[in-house]
Amino acid sequence: MATASQTTAPRANQRPEPASGKRSALRWMDDLLHVAISIWPRKTAQNLAAVTHVSERAAEFWLAGKYDMSLPAARELLRTEQGFEYLTALVGEDCEAAWFQRCKLAHEVGVTSRRIKAEQKRIEKLRAAQAQLAMKLDE
């Protein structure tokens, strides 16, 4: 036993290594808050408070780095329309896990489909306006 103690003694009271060099214990919260700021550049604390069901003051403390966000509050952010952006912030854009890659692709398909539908509606409106103009010119 003395040998094991002597070998491990130099490392006895060292801080444990983080799981990833990019992610520290509180970095996840900073990442979520950066997403919130990008979504709501104005009145960020007010919007955060409304979505996470906390006081505006608590949200201001999160943004100032004075207090940590609770897991239930983070879960509420994931449940918003922008939930995928928050999920990406949590796992990291560089996450190579198969489940995240599938999720990412499904999200992109959904976003692209919505854009295509919006453009199709826009084209229909333009064609209708074009037809009305043609009728007026024919009169």
Protein backbone atom coordinates (compact mmCIF):
# COMPACT_ATOMS: atom_id res chain seq x y z
CA MET A 1 0.00 0.00 0.00
CA ALA A 2 2.83 2.36 0.70
CA THR A 3 3.92 2.06 -2.92
CA ALA A 4 0.49 3.05 -4.25
CA SER A 5 0.38 6.06 -1.92
CA GLN A 6 3.81 7.18 -2.96
CA THR A 7 2.94 6.93 -6.64
CA THR A 8 -0.31 8.80 -6.33
CA ALA A 9 0.86 11.33 -3.74
CA PRO A 10 2.03 13.95 -6.27
CA ARG A 11 -1.45 13.98 -7.86
CA ALA A 12 -3.44 13.76 -4.62
CA ASN A 13 -4.97 17.22 -4.39
CA GLN A 14 -4.96 18.24 -8.02
CA ARG A 15 -8.09 19.46 -9.74
CA PRO A 16 -9.72 16.83 -11.93
CA GLU A 17 -9.35 17.27 -15.67
CA PRO A 18 -12.48 18.49 -17.44
CA ALA A 19 -14.23 16.01 -19.71
CA SER A 20 -13.38 18.15 -22.71
CA GLY A 21 -10.92 20.98 -23.08
CA LYS A 22 -13.65 23.12 -24.64
CA ARG A 23 -16.31 22.67 -21.98
CA SER A 24 -15.94 23.64 -18.35
CA ALA A 25 -18.45 23.12 -15.56
CA LEU A 26 -20.25 26.43 -16.11
CA ARG A 27 -19.53 26.90 -19.79
CA TRP A 28 -22.83 25.24 -20.68
CA MET A 29 -24.69 28.09 -19.06
CA ASP A 30 -22.65 30.73 -20.89
CA ASP A 31 -23.36 28.93 -24.16
CA LEU A 32 -27.10 28.96 -23.47
CA LEU A 33 -27.01 32.64 -22.54
CA HIS A 34 -25.17 33.51 -25.76
CA VAL A 35 -27.95 31.85 -27.71
CA ALA A 36 -30.56 33.77 -25.69
CA ILE A 37 -28.75 37.04 -26.39
CA SER A 38 -28.61 36.27 -30.11
CA ILE A 39 -32.34 35.46 -30.14
CA TRP A 40 -33.31 38.45 -27.99
CA PRO A 41 -30.67 41.16 -28.41
CA ARG A 42 -32.99 43.59 -26.62
CA LYS A 43 -34.77 42.83 -23.37
CA THR A 44 -32.88 39.56 -23.02
CA ALA A 45 -33.51 39.26 -19.27
CA GLN A 46 -37.22 39.96 -19.69
CA ASN A 47 -37.61 37.30 -22.39
CA LEU A 48 -35.48 34.78 -20.49
CA ALA A 49 -37.61 35.32 -17.39
CA ALA A 50 -40.83 34.81 -19.31
CA VAL A 51 -39.67 31.60 -20.99
CA THR A 52 -38.02 30.04 -17.94
CA HIS A 53 -40.69 31.14 -15.42
CA VAL A 54 -38.29 33.03 -13.13
CA SER A 55 -38.14 36.64 -12.06
CA GLU A 56 -36.53 39.18 -14.35
CA ARG A 57 -34.00 39.83 -11.61
CA ALA A 58 -32.95 36.17 -11.57
CA ALA A 59 -32.47 36.29 -15.34
CA GLU A 60 -30.39 39.46 -14.95
CA PHE A 61 -28.22 37.65 -12.41
CA TRP A 62 -27.67 34.81 -14.89
CA LEU A 63 -26.65 37.24 -17.58
CA ALA A 64 -24.28 39.02 -15.18
CA GLY A 65 -22.73 35.70 -14.15
CA LYS A 66 -23.69 36.12 -10.49
CA TYR A 67 -25.88 33.01 -10.23
CA ASP A 68 -26.15 29.74 -12.09
CA MET A 69 -29.14 28.78 -14.17
CA SER A 70 -31.11 25.84 -12.82
CA LEU A 71 -31.62 22.67 -14.83
CA PRO A 72 -35.43 23.22 -14.97
CA ALA A 73 -34.81 26.68 -16.47
CA ALA A 74 -32.42 25.23 -19.06
CA ARG A 75 -35.02 22.58 -19.88
CA GLU A 76 -37.57 25.33 -20.54
CA LEU A 77 -35.19 26.90 -23.04
CA LEU A 78 -34.86 23.57 -24.84
CA ARG A 79 -38.66 23.41 -25.11
CA THR A 80 -38.94 26.70 -27.03
CA GLU A 81 -39.16 27.11 -30.79
CA GLN A 82 -35.43 27.82 -30.72
CA GLY A 83 -34.74 24.66 -28.73
CA PHE A 84 -32.45 23.21 -31.36
CA GLU A 85 -30.13 26.22 -31.10
CA TYR A 86 -29.95 25.70 -27.33
CA LEU A 87 -29.32 21.97 -27.80
CA THR A 88 -26.50 22.73 -30.23
CA ALA A 89 -25.01 25.14 -27.71
CA LEU A 90 -25.11 22.43 -25.03
CA VAL A 91 -23.57 19.58 -27.02
CA GLY A 92 -21.36 21.74 -29.22
CA GLU A 93 -21.50 22.33 -32.95
CA ASP A 94 -18.66 19.82 -33.35
CA CYS A 95 -20.55 16.94 -31.70
CA GLU A 96 -20.08 13.83 -33.82
CA ALA A 97 -22.51 11.54 -32.01
CA ALA A 98 -24.75 9.72 -34.46
CA TRP A 99 -27.95 10.70 -32.62
CA PHE A 100 -27.01 14.40 -32.84
CA GLN A 101 -26.06 14.15 -36.50
CA ARG A 102 -29.48 12.57 -37.24
CA CYS A 103 -31.18 15.28 -35.21
CA LYS A 104 -29.19 17.98 -37.00
CA LEU A 105 -30.12 16.63 -40.42
CA ALA A 106 -33.80 16.33 -39.46
CA HIS A 107 -33.72 19.93 -38.23
CA GLU A 108 -32.16 21.13 -41.49
CA VAL A 109 -34.77 19.24 -43.53
CA GLY A 110 -37.52 20.91 -41.50
CA VAL A 111 -36.02 24.39 -41.82
CA THR A 112 -35.47 23.96 -45.55
CA SER A 113 -39.01 22.63 -46.07
CA ARG A 114 -40.47 25.65 -44.27
CA ARG A 115 -38.38 28.01 -46.39
CA ILE A 116 -39.49 26.29 -49.59
CA LYS A 117 -43.17 26.54 -48.56
CA ALA A 118 -42.75 30.23 -47.75
CA GLU A 119 -41.11 30.87 -51.13
CA GLN A 120 -43.87 28.92 -52.91
CA LYS A 121 -46.49 31.14 -51.26
CA ARG A 122 -44.49 34.20 -52.29
CA ILE A 123 -44.35 32.95 -55.89
CA GLU A 124 -48.12 32.33 -55.88
CA LYS A 125 -48.74 35.91 -54.68
CA LEU A 126 -46.42 37.29 -57.35
CA ARG A 127 -48.15 35.26 -60.06
CA ALA A 128 -51.57 36.45 -58.85
CA ALA A 129 -50.36 40.06 -58.95
CA GLN A 130 -48.91 39.44 -62.38
CA ALA A 131 -52.24 38.02 -63.61
CA GLN A 132 -54.17 40.99 -62.20
CA LEU A 133 -51.81 43.40 -63.91
CA ALA A 134 -52.19 41.54 -67.20
CA MET A 135 -56.02 41.73 -66.90
CA LYS A 136 -55.83 45.49 -66.29
CA LEU A 137 -53.58 45.96 -69.32
CA ASP A 138 -55.93 43.89 -71.49
CA GLU A 139 -58.91 46.13 -70.69
